[in-house]
Amino acid sequence: MKLAYLLNTFSHRGLYPADRAKVLLPAIKSTDTKVFVPSSNTGLIEYLVTQNIKANIYKNNGQLLEILKLFKPDCIIHDSGNSEKDLIRNLKTFNCPLIHFDDHGDGSALADIVFQALYENPKELSKANYVYGPTGFIPTHQLIYKNNNMLQDPPHIVVAFPHEDPENLTYRTLRHLVQLHIPLQITVVVDEYYKHDITELKRFALTRKSIKIISTKEPESYIYNSDIVITSGAYTPFLVAQLKIPCIILCAHEEEMNFAFPQEENGFANLGLGRKIKQSYLQNAVMEIILHDNRRKAYIQKQKNFQFSSNLEEVVKLIDQTIANKKEEQEIVR
């Protein structure tokens, strides 16, 4: 089977789709796999080099379609965000299974199956070709689990907004946290793609020894040792739920306001759009978790309802089933 994997990432969501691809690709039975990435996403292209994944670069959809005509794929996986109908109609002409991940675009209706980890409730539940819920989140790291029975002294807060953090919620959050005049450990985690001046963050660290500003390619290695995580509403909440740590959500984008996973019923304190958050709201959310042990344990207990260990197996099984169903349809037509 020849597999075409269309991959793209976004400044506010982070590089998780690339990590998902790295885990998923070896699990799919394919004799020839090509990963296609738009030339405009230089950060993703650089990251794939570090992950030993060869990227086939294209400038626009027209060029992509020409390359695919030469490749003649037997299956196409689309993990490139919200799709447009025109592109997906053209992909349908290859007459092969179309597998989509986290696609809220108009083209998703034409896919054979859509794994929607970034799902919305309840308006999408009527779409038959969607697999809603955390199934589409495939764990990509070996994790070290924290003992959540007791808060550290002082409590440890990790601020981790992914990738470029276009709204600079990292800075906004730290500015609000330093106004809490209680003993805290604060670790701010950014990666090499953080688009703002890191020295602005380091100035806060000069005022308190308990504040650390860390640039790392592995934020999960710091998140696991926290008492509270403050992050955005895309993929990081799934990582936090694996670790069972109370988490405050500041949405980095309007679309995240509608995502159903990082919500109260699943163990998250979702405060809405991060760029509009009031200092007092964030501070109250932090203090509630620190001062009310029952509240903290309730968040952890709700996150325990989710298990992710079998997601890779389940996704591969559904992909295989979709491919088999497509072959049966084609045989009937013949």
C-alpha atoms as a PDB file:
ATOM      1  CA  MET A   1       0.000   0.000   0.000  1.00  0.00           C
ATOM      2  CA  LYS A   2       1.240   3.472  -0.939  1.00  0.00           C
ATOM      3  CA  LEU A   3       0.364   6.022   1.745  1.00  0.00           C
ATOM      4  CA  ALA A   4       0.318   9.810   1.340  1.00  0.00           C
ATOM      5  CA  TYR A   5       0.419  11.665   4.674  1.00  0.00           C
ATOM      6  CA  LEU A   6      -0.546  15.348   4.374  1.00  0.00           C
ATOM      7  CA  LEU A   7       0.853  17.099   7.433  1.00  0.00           C
ATOM      8  CA  ASN A   8       0.638  20.668   8.697  1.00  0.00           C
ATOM      9  CA  THR A   9       0.773  22.359  12.120  1.00  0.00           C
ATOM     10  CA  PHE A  10      -0.402  25.684  13.535  1.00  0.00           C
ATOM     11  CA  SER A  11       1.262  28.319  15.686  1.00  0.00           C
ATOM     12  CA  HIS A  12      -1.169  28.013  18.594  1.00  0.00           C
ATOM     13  CA  ARG A  13      -1.588  24.202  18.592  1.00  0.00           C
ATOM     14  CA  GLY A  14       2.022  23.079  18.655  1.00  0.00           C
ATOM     15  CA  LEU A  15       3.863  20.253  16.909  1.00  0.00           C
ATOM     16  CA  TYR A  16       1.842  17.350  18.303  1.00  0.00           C
ATOM     17  CA  PRO A  17       0.496  16.260  14.857  1.00  0.00           C
ATOM     18  CA  ALA A  18       4.098  15.596  13.783  1.00  0.00           C
ATOM     19  CA  ASP A  19       4.648  13.482  16.903  1.00  0.00           C
ATOM     20  CA  ARG A  20       1.406  11.623  16.206  1.00  0.00           C
ATOM     21  CA  ALA A  21       2.563  10.922  12.653  1.00  0.00           C
ATOM     22  CA  LYS A  22       5.887   9.554  13.911  1.00  0.00           C
ATOM     23  CA  VAL A  23       4.073   7.037  16.124  1.00  0.00           C
ATOM     24  CA  LEU A  24       1.264   6.211  13.693  1.00  0.00           C
ATOM     25  CA  LEU A  25       3.263   5.695  10.490  1.00  0.00           C
ATOM     26  CA  PRO A  26       5.221   2.615  11.632  1.00  0.00           C
ATOM     27  CA  ALA A  27       1.974   1.046  12.888  1.00  0.00           C
ATOM     28  CA  ILE A  28       0.256   1.250   9.488  1.00  0.00           C
ATOM     29  CA  LYS A  29       0.967  -1.492   6.952  1.00  0.00           C
ATOM     30  CA  SER A  30       2.454   0.530   4.103  1.00  0.00           C
ATOM     31  CA  THR A  31       5.091  -0.415   1.551  1.00  0.00           C
ATOM     32  CA  ASP A  32       5.731   3.199   0.509  1.00  0.00           C
ATOM     33  CA  THR A  33       4.942   6.257   2.617  1.00  0.00           C
ATOM     34  CA  LYS A  34       5.484   9.896   1.709  1.00  0.00           C
ATOM     35  CA  VAL A  35       4.891  12.806   4.095  1.00  0.00           C
ATOM     36  CA  PHE A  36       3.822  16.045   2.367  1.00  0.00           C
ATOM     37  CA  VAL A  37       4.357  19.432   4.065  1.00  0.00           C
ATOM     38  CA  PRO A  38       3.661  22.982   2.767  1.00  0.00           C
ATOM     39  CA  SER A  39       6.847  24.976   2.121  1.00  0.00           C
ATOM     40  CA  SER A  40       5.515  27.867   4.220  1.00  0.00           C
ATOM     41  CA  ASN A  41       5.759  25.825   7.438  1.00  0.00           C
ATOM     42  CA  THR A  42       9.511  26.070   7.957  1.00  0.00           C
ATOM     43  CA  GLY A  43       9.277  25.249  11.663  1.00  0.00           C
ATOM     44  CA  LEU A  44       7.579  21.926  10.940  1.00  0.00           C
ATOM     45  CA  ILE A  45      10.078  21.104   8.192  1.00  0.00           C
ATOM     46  CA  GLU A  46      12.966  21.742  10.595  1.00  0.00           C
ATOM     47  CA  TYR A  47      11.296  19.664  13.308  1.00  0.00           C
ATOM     48  CA  LEU A  48      10.751  16.693  10.983  1.00  0.00           C
ATOM     49  CA  VAL A  49      14.490  16.674  10.242  1.00  0.00           C
ATOM     50  CA  THR A  50      15.195  16.232  13.973  1.00  0.00           C
ATOM     51  CA  GLN A  51      12.662  13.382  14.034  1.00  0.00           C
ATOM     52  CA  ASN A  52      14.265  11.646  11.021  1.00  0.00           C
ATOM     53  CA  ILE A  53      11.100  12.036   8.936  1.00  0.00           C
ATOM     54  CA  LYS A  54      11.659  12.990   5.319  1.00  0.00           C
ATOM     55  CA  ALA A  55       9.304  15.745   4.195  1.00  0.00           C
ATOM     56  CA  ASN A  56       8.174  16.163   0.591  1.00  0.00           C
ATOM     57  CA  ILE A  57       7.724  19.912   0.172  1.00  0.00           C
ATOM     58  CA  TYR A  58       5.011  21.551  -1.943  1.00  0.00           C
ATOM     59  CA  LYS A  59       4.234  25.227  -2.576  1.00  0.00           C
ATOM     60  CA  ASN A  60       0.468  25.103  -3.084  1.00  0.00           C
ATOM     61  CA  ASN A  61      -2.436  22.703  -3.494  1.00  0.00           C
ATOM     62  CA  GLY A  62      -2.022  22.638  -7.267  1.00  0.00           C
ATOM     63  CA  GLN A  63       1.549  21.403  -6.957  1.00  0.00           C
ATOM     64  CA  LEU A  64       0.517  18.909  -4.260  1.00  0.00           C
ATOM     65  CA  LEU A  65      -2.077  17.380  -6.571  1.00  0.00           C
ATOM     66  CA  GLU A  66       0.436  17.086  -9.400  1.00  0.00           C
ATOM     67  CA  ILE A  67       2.899  15.277  -7.103  1.00  0.00           C
ATOM     68  CA  LEU A  68       0.155  12.958  -5.850  1.00  0.00           C
ATOM     69  CA  LYS A  69      -0.820  12.076  -9.429  1.00  0.00           C
ATOM     70  CA  LEU A  70       2.710  10.796  -9.965  1.00  0.00           C
ATOM     71  CA  PHE A  71       2.770   8.991  -6.604  1.00  0.00           C
ATOM     72  CA  LYS A  72      -0.650   7.332  -7.074  1.00  0.00           C
ATOM     73  CA  PRO A  73      -1.490   6.749  -3.398  1.00  0.00           C
ATOM     74  CA  ASP A  74      -3.662   3.868  -2.171  1.00  0.00           C
ATOM     75  CA  CYS A  75      -4.593   5.809   0.965  1.00  0.00           C
ATOM     76  CA  ILE A  76      -4.413   9.485   1.993  1.00  0.00           C
ATOM     77  CA  ILE A  77      -4.167  10.710   5.589  1.00  0.00           C
ATOM     78  CA  HIS A  78      -4.979  14.393   6.062  1.00  0.00           C
ATOM     79  CA  ASP A  79      -3.633  15.905   9.296  1.00  0.00           C
ATOM     80  CA  SER A  80      -3.402  19.471   8.038  1.00  0.00           C
ATOM     81  CA  GLY A  81      -6.113  21.275   9.975  1.00  0.00           C
ATOM     82  CA  ASN A  82      -9.408  22.490   8.565  1.00  0.00           C
ATOM     83  CA  SER A  83      -9.821  21.359   4.953  1.00  0.00           C
ATOM     84  CA  GLU A  84     -11.523  23.076   2.029  1.00  0.00           C
ATOM     85  CA  LYS A  85     -14.006  21.196  -0.135  1.00  0.00           C
ATOM     86  CA  ASP A  86     -12.186  22.001  -3.358  1.00  0.00           C
ATOM     87  CA  LEU A  87      -9.002  20.272  -2.236  1.00  0.00           C
ATOM     88  CA  ILE A  88     -10.804  17.237  -0.818  1.00  0.00           C
ATOM     89  CA  ARG A  89     -12.923  16.890  -3.977  1.00  0.00           C
ATOM     90  CA  ASN A  90      -9.676  16.699  -5.931  1.00  0.00           C
ATOM     91  CA  LEU A  91      -8.248  14.164  -3.480  1.00  0.00           C
ATOM     92  CA  LYS A  92     -11.403  12.068  -3.936  1.00  0.00           C
ATOM     93  CA  THR A  93     -10.480  11.609  -7.610  1.00  0.00           C
ATOM     94  CA  PHE A  94      -7.668   9.282  -6.511  1.00  0.00           C
ATOM     95  CA  ASN A  95     -10.455   6.888  -5.469  1.00  0.00           C
ATOM     96  CA  CYS A  96      -8.709   5.805  -2.296  1.00  0.00           C
ATOM     97  CA  PRO A  97      -9.608   6.031   1.425  1.00  0.00           C
ATOM     98  CA  LEU A  98      -9.400   9.521   2.946  1.00  0.00           C
ATOM     99  CA  ILE A  99      -8.481   9.502   6.655  1.00  0.00           C
ATOM    100  CA  HIS A 100      -8.650  12.884   8.426  1.00  0.00           C
ATOM    101  CA  PHE A 101      -7.494  14.059  11.856  1.00  0.00           C
ATOM    102  CA  ASP A 102      -8.954  17.069  13.688  1.00  0.00           C
ATOM    103  CA  ASP A 103     -10.666  18.612  10.705  1.00  0.00           C
ATOM    104  CA  HIS A 104     -13.451  21.163  11.271  1.00  0.00           C
ATOM    105  CA  GLY A 105     -13.365  22.337   7.656  1.00  0.00           C
ATOM    106  CA  ASP A 106     -15.980  21.917   4.935  1.00  0.00           C
ATOM    107  CA  GLY A 107     -13.941  19.180   3.295  1.00  0.00           C
ATOM    108  CA  SER A 108     -14.280  16.857   6.283  1.00  0.00           C
ATOM    109  CA  ALA A 109     -17.776  15.819   5.144  1.00  0.00           C
ATOM    110  CA  LEU A 110     -16.152  14.120   2.142  1.00  0.00           C
ATOM    111  CA  ALA A 111     -13.671  12.068   4.193  1.00  0.00           C
ATOM    112  CA  ASP A 112     -14.203   8.370   4.803  1.00  0.00           C
ATOM    113  CA  ILE A 113     -13.397   8.787   8.499  1.00  0.00           C
ATOM    114  CA  VAL A 114     -12.414  11.754  10.696  1.00  0.00           C
ATOM    115  CA  PHE A 115     -10.705  11.245  14.055  1.00  0.00           C
ATOM    116  CA  GLN A 116     -11.797  14.316  15.987  1.00  0.00           C
ATOM    117  CA  ALA A 117      -9.855  14.602  19.243  1.00  0.00           C
ATOM    118  CA  LEU A 118     -10.393  18.375  19.125  1.00  0.00           C
ATOM    119  CA  TYR A 119     -14.116  17.763  19.117  1.00  0.00           C
ATOM    120  CA  GLU A 120     -17.072  20.006  19.860  1.00  0.00           C
ATOM    121  CA  ASN A 121     -20.287  19.054  21.630  1.00  0.00           C
ATOM    122  CA  PRO A 122     -23.071  18.528  20.904  1.00  0.00           C
ATOM    123  CA  LYS A 123     -23.593  19.931  17.404  1.00  0.00           C
ATOM    124  CA  GLU A 124     -21.210  17.563  15.616  1.00  0.00           C
ATOM    125  CA  LEU A 125     -22.491  14.305  17.055  1.00  0.00           C
ATOM    126  CA  SER A 126     -24.781  13.657  14.109  1.00  0.00           C
ATOM    127  CA  LYS A 127     -21.908  13.288  11.627  1.00  0.00           C
ATOM    128  CA  ALA A 128     -21.627   9.569  10.922  1.00  0.00           C
ATOM    129  CA  ASN A 129     -18.098   9.615   9.504  1.00  0.00           C
ATOM    130  CA  TYR A 130     -16.595  11.108  12.684  1.00  0.00           C
ATOM    131  CA  VAL A 131     -14.893   9.333  15.598  1.00  0.00           C
ATOM    132  CA  TYR A 132     -15.399  11.815  18.421  1.00  0.00           C
ATOM    133  CA  GLY A 133     -13.488  11.976  21.672  1.00  0.00           C
ATOM    134  CA  PRO A 134      -9.948  11.271  22.877  1.00  0.00           C
ATOM    135  CA  THR A 135      -9.472   8.215  20.613  1.00  0.00           C
ATOM    136  CA  GLY A 136      -7.619  10.361  18.070  1.00  0.00           C
ATOM    137  CA  PHE A 137      -5.064  11.449  20.660  1.00  0.00           C
ATOM    138  CA  ILE A 138      -2.204   8.966  20.409  1.00  0.00           C
ATOM    139  CA  PRO A 139       0.325   9.144  23.282  1.00  0.00           C
ATOM    140  CA  THR A 140       3.762   9.982  21.936  1.00  0.00           C
ATOM    141  CA  HIS A 141       5.995  10.060  25.042  1.00  0.00           C
ATOM    142  CA  GLN A 142       7.102   7.732  27.787  1.00  0.00           C
ATOM    143  CA  LEU A 143       5.817   9.523  30.869  1.00  0.00           C
ATOM    144  CA  ILE A 144       6.964   9.660  34.473  1.00  0.00           C
ATOM    145  CA  TYR A 145       3.951   9.916  36.730  1.00  0.00           C
ATOM    146  CA  LYS A 146       3.791  12.233  39.719  1.00  0.00           C
ATOM    147  CA  ASN A 147       2.429  11.197  43.090  1.00  0.00           C
ATOM    148  CA  ASN A 148      -0.595  13.492  43.366  1.00  0.00           C
ATOM    149  CA  ASN A 149      -1.482  12.745  46.973  1.00  0.00           C
ATOM    150  CA  MET A 150       0.167  15.867  48.371  1.00  0.00           C
ATOM    151  CA  LEU A 151       0.947  19.366  47.128  1.00  0.00           C
ATOM    152  CA  GLN A 152       4.604  20.312  47.087  1.00  0.00           C
ATOM    153  CA  ASP A 153       5.725  22.987  49.523  1.00  0.00           C
ATOM    154  CA  PRO A 154       5.565  25.521  48.013  1.00  0.00           C
ATOM    155  CA  PRO A 155       3.111  24.459  45.268  1.00  0.00           C
ATOM    156  CA  HIS A 156       4.661  24.079  41.811  1.00  0.00           C
ATOM    157  CA  ILE A 157       2.933  25.716  38.817  1.00  0.00           C
ATOM    158  CA  VAL A 158       4.085  24.982  35.268  1.00  0.00           C
ATOM    159  CA  VAL A 159       3.115  27.445  32.532  1.00  0.00           C
ATOM    160  CA  ALA A 160       3.334  25.714  29.137  1.00  0.00           C
ATOM    161  CA  PHE A 161       1.737  27.267  26.069  1.00  0.00           C
ATOM    162  CA  PRO A 162       2.807  25.423  22.924  1.00  0.00           C
ATOM    163  CA  HIS A 163       4.905  26.438  19.968  1.00  0.00           C
ATOM    164  CA  GLU A 164       4.848  30.103  18.860  1.00  0.00           C
ATOM    165  CA  ASP A 165       2.243  31.203  21.433  1.00  0.00           C
ATOM    166  CA  PRO A 166       0.973  33.982  19.103  1.00  0.00           C
ATOM    167  CA  GLU A 167      -1.033  35.767  21.827  1.00  0.00           C
ATOM    168  CA  ASN A 168       1.924  35.566  24.241  1.00  0.00           C
ATOM    169  CA  LEU A 169      -0.213  33.964  26.919  1.00  0.00           C
ATOM    170  CA  THR A 170       3.032  32.810  28.530  1.00  0.00           C
ATOM    171  CA  TYR A 171       3.947  36.390  29.421  1.00  0.00           C
ATOM    172  CA  ARG A 172       0.390  37.372  30.368  1.00  0.00           C
ATOM    173  CA  THR A 173       0.072  34.383  32.706  1.00  0.00           C
ATOM    174  CA  LEU A 174       3.415  34.933  34.412  1.00  0.00           C
ATOM    175  CA  ARG A 175       2.628  38.624  34.911  1.00  0.00           C
ATOM    176  CA  HIS A 176      -0.581  37.663  36.723  1.00  0.00           C
ATOM    177  CA  LEU A 177       1.040  34.915  38.794  1.00  0.00           C
ATOM    178  CA  VAL A 178       3.781  37.138  40.221  1.00  0.00           C
ATOM    179  CA  GLN A 179       1.042  39.306  41.722  1.00  0.00           C
ATOM    180  CA  LEU A 180       0.027  36.375  43.923  1.00  0.00           C
ATOM    181  CA  HIS A 181       1.914  37.129  47.103  1.00  0.00           C
ATOM    182  CA  ILE A 182       2.144  33.578  48.379  1.00  0.00           C
ATOM    183  CA  PRO A 183       5.040  31.093  48.227  1.00  0.00           C
ATOM    184  CA  LEU A 184       5.037  29.404  44.803  1.00  0.00           C
ATOM    185  CA  GLN A 185       7.416  27.572  42.527  1.00  0.00           C
ATOM    186  CA  ILE A 186       6.779  28.731  38.965  1.00  0.00           C
ATOM    187  CA  THR A 187       8.344  27.048  35.944  1.00  0.00           C
ATOM    188  CA  VAL A 188       7.722  28.676  32.570  1.00  0.00           C
ATOM    189  CA  VAL A 189       8.380  26.346  29.645  1.00  0.00           C
ATOM    190  CA  VAL A 190       8.856  27.561  26.074  1.00  0.00           C
ATOM    191  CA  ASP A 191      10.368  25.916  23.002  1.00  0.00           C
ATOM    192  CA  GLU A 192      12.686  27.203  20.292  1.00  0.00           C
ATOM    193  CA  TYR A 193       9.714  28.412  18.231  1.00  0.00           C
ATOM    194  CA  TYR A 194       8.421  30.833  20.896  1.00  0.00           C
ATOM    195  CA  LYS A 195       8.009  34.002  18.818  1.00  0.00           C
ATOM    196  CA  HIS A 196       8.384  36.585  21.596  1.00  0.00           C
ATOM    197  CA  ASP A 197      11.349  37.994  23.502  1.00  0.00           C
ATOM    198  CA  ILE A 198      12.343  35.459  26.153  1.00  0.00           C
ATOM    199  CA  THR A 199      14.291  38.154  28.037  1.00  0.00           C
ATOM    200  CA  GLU A 200      10.934  39.692  28.996  1.00  0.00           C
ATOM    201  CA  LEU A 201      10.181  36.466  30.845  1.00  0.00           C
ATOM    202  CA  LYS A 202      13.622  36.274  32.426  1.00  0.00           C
ATOM    203  CA  ARG A 203      13.151  39.706  33.988  1.00  0.00           C
ATOM    204  CA  PHE A 204      10.451  38.197  36.192  1.00  0.00           C
ATOM    205  CA  ALA A 205      12.870  35.467  37.238  1.00  0.00           C
ATOM    206  CA  LEU A 206      15.281  38.140  38.466  1.00  0.00           C
ATOM    207  CA  THR A 207      12.689  39.240  41.017  1.00  0.00           C
ATOM    208  CA  ARG A 208      12.135  35.766  42.503  1.00  0.00           C
ATOM    209  CA  LYS A 209      14.473  32.796  42.823  1.00  0.00           C
ATOM    210  CA  SER A 210      11.404  30.542  42.751  1.00  0.00           C
ATOM    211  CA  ILE A 211      10.690  31.437  39.091  1.00  0.00           C
ATOM    212  CA  LYS A 212      12.450  29.430  36.361  1.00  0.00           C
ATOM    213  CA  ILE A 213      12.323  30.173  32.637  1.00  0.00           C
ATOM    214  CA  ILE A 214      13.234  27.081  30.619  1.00  0.00           C
ATOM    215  CA  SER A 215      13.613  26.671  26.860  1.00  0.00           C
ATOM    216  CA  THR A 216      13.222  22.983  26.049  1.00  0.00           C
ATOM    217  CA  LYS A 217      12.178  20.565  23.319  1.00  0.00           C
ATOM    218  CA  GLU A 218      10.590  18.309  25.941  1.00  0.00           C
ATOM    219  CA  PRO A 219       8.061  20.321  27.991  1.00  0.00           C
ATOM    220  CA  GLU A 220       6.432  17.102  29.236  1.00  0.00           C
ATOM    221  CA  SER A 221       9.555  16.409  31.314  1.00  0.00           C
ATOM    222  CA  TYR A 222       8.706  19.493  33.394  1.00  0.00           C
ATOM    223  CA  ILE A 223       4.930  19.184  33.342  1.00  0.00           C
ATOM    224  CA  TYR A 224       4.933  15.796  35.092  1.00  0.00           C
ATOM    225  CA  ASN A 225       6.478  17.306  38.227  1.00  0.00           C
ATOM    226  CA  SER A 226       3.877  20.072  38.667  1.00  0.00           C
ATOM    227  CA  ASP A 227       0.935  20.566  41.002  1.00  0.00           C
ATOM    228  CA  ILE A 228      -0.929  22.813  38.548  1.00  0.00           C
ATOM    229  CA  VAL A 229      -0.492  23.223  34.798  1.00  0.00           C
ATOM    230  CA  ILE A 230      -1.603  26.361  32.954  1.00  0.00           C
ATOM    231  CA  THR A 231      -1.891  25.835  29.204  1.00  0.00           C
ATOM    232  CA  SER A 232      -4.085  26.321  26.131  1.00  0.00           C
ATOM    233  CA  GLY A 233      -7.010  24.223  24.932  1.00  0.00           C
ATOM    234  CA  ALA A 234      -5.640  22.130  22.041  1.00  0.00           C
ATOM    235  CA  TYR A 235      -3.404  19.069  22.545  1.00  0.00           C
ATOM    236  CA  THR A 236      -1.551  19.763  25.811  1.00  0.00           C
ATOM    237  CA  PRO A 237      -4.663  19.019  27.942  1.00  0.00           C
ATOM    238  CA  PHE A 238      -4.551  15.415  26.686  1.00  0.00           C
ATOM    239  CA  LEU A 239      -0.957  15.118  27.873  1.00  0.00           C
ATOM    240  CA  VAL A 240      -1.931  16.602  31.244  1.00  0.00           C
ATOM    241  CA  ALA A 241      -4.876  14.195  31.555  1.00  0.00           C
ATOM    242  CA  GLN A 242      -2.452  11.303  31.075  1.00  0.00           C
ATOM    243  CA  LEU A 243      -0.460  12.656  34.022  1.00  0.00           C
ATOM    244  CA  LYS A 244      -3.562  13.360  36.179  1.00  0.00           C
ATOM    245  CA  ILE A 245      -2.649  16.924  37.202  1.00  0.00           C
ATOM    246  CA  PRO A 246      -5.110  19.801  37.837  1.00  0.00           C
ATOM    247  CA  CYS A 247      -5.011  22.108  34.835  1.00  0.00           C
ATOM    248  CA  ILE A 248      -6.157  25.659  34.120  1.00  0.00           C
ATOM    249  CA  ILE A 249      -7.046  26.366  30.489  1.00  0.00           C
ATOM    250  CA  LEU A 250      -6.563  29.737  28.799  1.00  0.00           C
ATOM    251  CA  CYS A 251      -7.755  29.309  25.225  1.00  0.00           C
ATOM    252  CA  ALA A 252      -5.189  30.524  22.692  1.00  0.00           C
ATOM    253  CA  HIS A 253      -7.669  30.821  19.826  1.00  0.00           C
ATOM    254  CA  GLU A 254     -11.412  31.323  19.398  1.00  0.00           C
ATOM    255  CA  GLU A 255     -11.805  27.778  18.034  1.00  0.00           C
ATOM    256  CA  GLU A 256     -10.543  26.349  21.328  1.00  0.00           C
ATOM    257  CA  MET A 257     -13.508  27.917  23.127  1.00  0.00           C
ATOM    258  CA  ASN A 258     -15.700  25.208  21.577  1.00  0.00           C
ATOM    259  CA  PHE A 259     -13.501  22.175  22.277  1.00  0.00           C
ATOM    260  CA  ALA A 260     -15.312  19.785  24.598  1.00  0.00           C
ATOM    261  CA  PHE A 261     -12.388  17.896  26.145  1.00  0.00           C
ATOM    262  CA  PRO A 262     -10.618  20.585  28.239  1.00  0.00           C
ATOM    263  CA  GLN A 263     -13.716  21.402  30.287  1.00  0.00           C
ATOM    264  CA  GLU A 264     -14.836  21.197  33.920  1.00  0.00           C
ATOM    265  CA  GLU A 265     -16.510  17.786  33.586  1.00  0.00           C
ATOM    266  CA  ASN A 266     -13.225  16.257  32.418  1.00  0.00           C
ATOM    267  CA  GLY A 267     -11.005  17.730  35.126  1.00  0.00           C
ATOM    268  CA  PHE A 268     -10.044  21.175  33.781  1.00  0.00           C
ATOM    269  CA  ALA A 269     -10.689  24.738  34.945  1.00  0.00           C
ATOM    270  CA  ASN A 270     -11.435  26.429  31.600  1.00  0.00           C
ATOM    271  CA  LEU A 271     -11.326  30.222  31.948  1.00  0.00           C
ATOM    272  CA  GLY A 272     -12.076  31.031  28.310  1.00  0.00           C
ATOM    273  CA  LEU A 273     -10.128  33.148  25.848  1.00  0.00           C
ATOM    274  CA  GLY A 274      -6.699  33.822  27.315  1.00  0.00           C
ATOM    275  CA  ARG A 275      -6.113  37.265  25.860  1.00  0.00           C
ATOM    276  CA  LYS A 276      -9.284  38.536  27.573  1.00  0.00           C
ATOM    277  CA  ILE A 277      -8.763  36.913  30.965  1.00  0.00           C
ATOM    278  CA  LYS A 278      -8.852  39.107  34.045  1.00  0.00           C
ATOM    279  CA  GLN A 279      -6.015  38.782  36.536  1.00  0.00           C
ATOM    280  CA  SER A 280      -8.419  38.069  39.389  1.00  0.00           C
ATOM    281  CA  TYR A 281     -10.048  35.139  37.530  1.00  0.00           C
ATOM    282  CA  LEU A 282      -6.728  33.398  36.967  1.00  0.00           C
ATOM    283  CA  GLN A 283      -5.549  34.060  40.510  1.00  0.00           C
ATOM    284  CA  ASN A 284      -8.819  32.751  41.979  1.00  0.00           C
ATOM    285  CA  ALA A 285      -8.562  29.564  39.901  1.00  0.00           C
ATOM    286  CA  VAL A 286      -5.014  28.973  41.165  1.00  0.00           C
ATOM    287  CA  MET A 287      -5.941  29.630  44.793  1.00  0.00           C
ATOM    288  CA  GLU A 288      -8.990  27.361  44.588  1.00  0.00           C
ATOM    289  CA  ILE A 289      -6.818  24.403  43.609  1.00  0.00           C
ATOM    290  CA  ILE A 290      -4.188  25.198  46.252  1.00  0.00           C
ATOM    291  CA  LEU A 291      -6.543  25.892  49.165  1.00  0.00           C
ATOM    292  CA  HIS A 292      -9.313  23.357  48.505  1.00  0.00           C
ATOM    293  CA  ASP A 293      -7.918  19.850  48.591  1.00  0.00           C
ATOM    294  CA  ASN A 294     -11.255  18.274  47.658  1.00  0.00           C
ATOM    295  CA  ARG A 295     -11.428  20.456  44.567  1.00  0.00           C
ATOM    296  CA  ARG A 296      -7.913  19.459  43.515  1.00  0.00           C
ATOM    297  CA  LYS A 297      -8.623  15.761  44.027  1.00  0.00           C
ATOM    298  CA  ALA A 298     -11.903  16.068  42.101  1.00  0.00           C
ATOM    299  CA  TYR A 299     -10.008  17.351  39.050  1.00  0.00           C
ATOM    300  CA  ILE A 300      -7.596  14.419  39.296  1.00  0.00           C
ATOM    301  CA  GLN A 301     -10.411  11.909  39.710  1.00  0.00           C
ATOM    302  CA  LYS A 302     -12.221  13.197  36.626  1.00  0.00           C
ATOM    303  CA  GLN A 303      -9.044  12.875  34.555  1.00  0.00           C
ATOM    304  CA  LYS A 304      -8.709   9.269  35.710  1.00  0.00           C
ATOM    305  CA  ASN A 305     -11.801   8.465  33.652  1.00  0.00           C
ATOM    306  CA  PHE A 306      -9.629   8.706  30.530  1.00  0.00           C
ATOM    307  CA  GLN A 307      -7.218   6.016  29.402  1.00  0.00           C
ATOM    308  CA  PHE A 308      -5.100   6.574  26.312  1.00  0.00           C
ATOM    309  CA  SER A 309      -2.884   3.483  26.198  1.00  0.00           C
ATOM    310  CA  SER A 310      -5.000   1.615  23.628  1.00  0.00           C
ATOM    311  CA  ASN A 311      -5.653   4.604  21.325  1.00  0.00           C
ATOM    312  CA  LEU A 312      -2.939   3.757  18.800  1.00  0.00           C
ATOM    313  CA  GLU A 313      -4.239   0.220  18.442  1.00  0.00           C
ATOM    314  CA  GLU A 314      -7.825   1.479  18.093  1.00  0.00           C
ATOM    315  CA  VAL A 315      -6.931   4.100  15.467  1.00  0.00           C
ATOM    316  CA  VAL A 316      -4.947   1.602  13.371  1.00  0.00           C
ATOM    317  CA  LYS A 317      -7.817  -0.892  13.614  1.00  0.00           C
ATOM    318  CA  LEU A 318     -10.333   1.703  12.367  1.00  0.00           C
ATOM    319  CA  ILE A 319      -7.994   2.804   9.565  1.00  0.00           C
ATOM    320  CA  ASP A 320      -7.559  -0.823   8.425  1.00  0.00           C
ATOM    321  CA  GLN A 321     -11.320  -1.300   8.563  1.00  0.00           C
ATOM    322  CA  THR A 322     -11.901   1.865   6.518  1.00  0.00           C
ATOM    323  CA  ILE A 323      -9.409   0.708   3.866  1.00  0.00           C
ATOM    324  CA  ALA A 324     -11.051  -2.728   3.720  1.00  0.00           C
ATOM    325  CA  ASN A 325     -14.525  -1.175   3.380  1.00  0.00           C
ATOM    326  CA  LYS A 326     -13.317   1.033   0.535  1.00  0.00           C
ATOM    327  CA  LYS A 327     -11.941  -1.985  -1.317  1.00  0.00           C
ATOM    328  CA  GLU A 328     -15.273  -3.802  -0.908  1.00  0.00           C
ATOM    329  CA  GLU A 329     -17.148  -0.782  -2.306  1.00  0.00           C
ATOM    330  CA  GLN A 330     -14.846  -0.661  -5.322  1.00  0.00           C
ATOM    331  CA  GLU A 331     -15.287  -4.373  -5.976  1.00  0.00           C
ATOM    332  CA  ILE A 332     -19.075  -4.019  -5.856  1.00  0.00           C
ATOM    333  CA  VAL A 333     -18.909  -1.149  -8.374  1.00  0.00           C
ATOM    334  CA  ARG A 334     -16.857  -3.305 -10.707  1.00  0.00           C
END
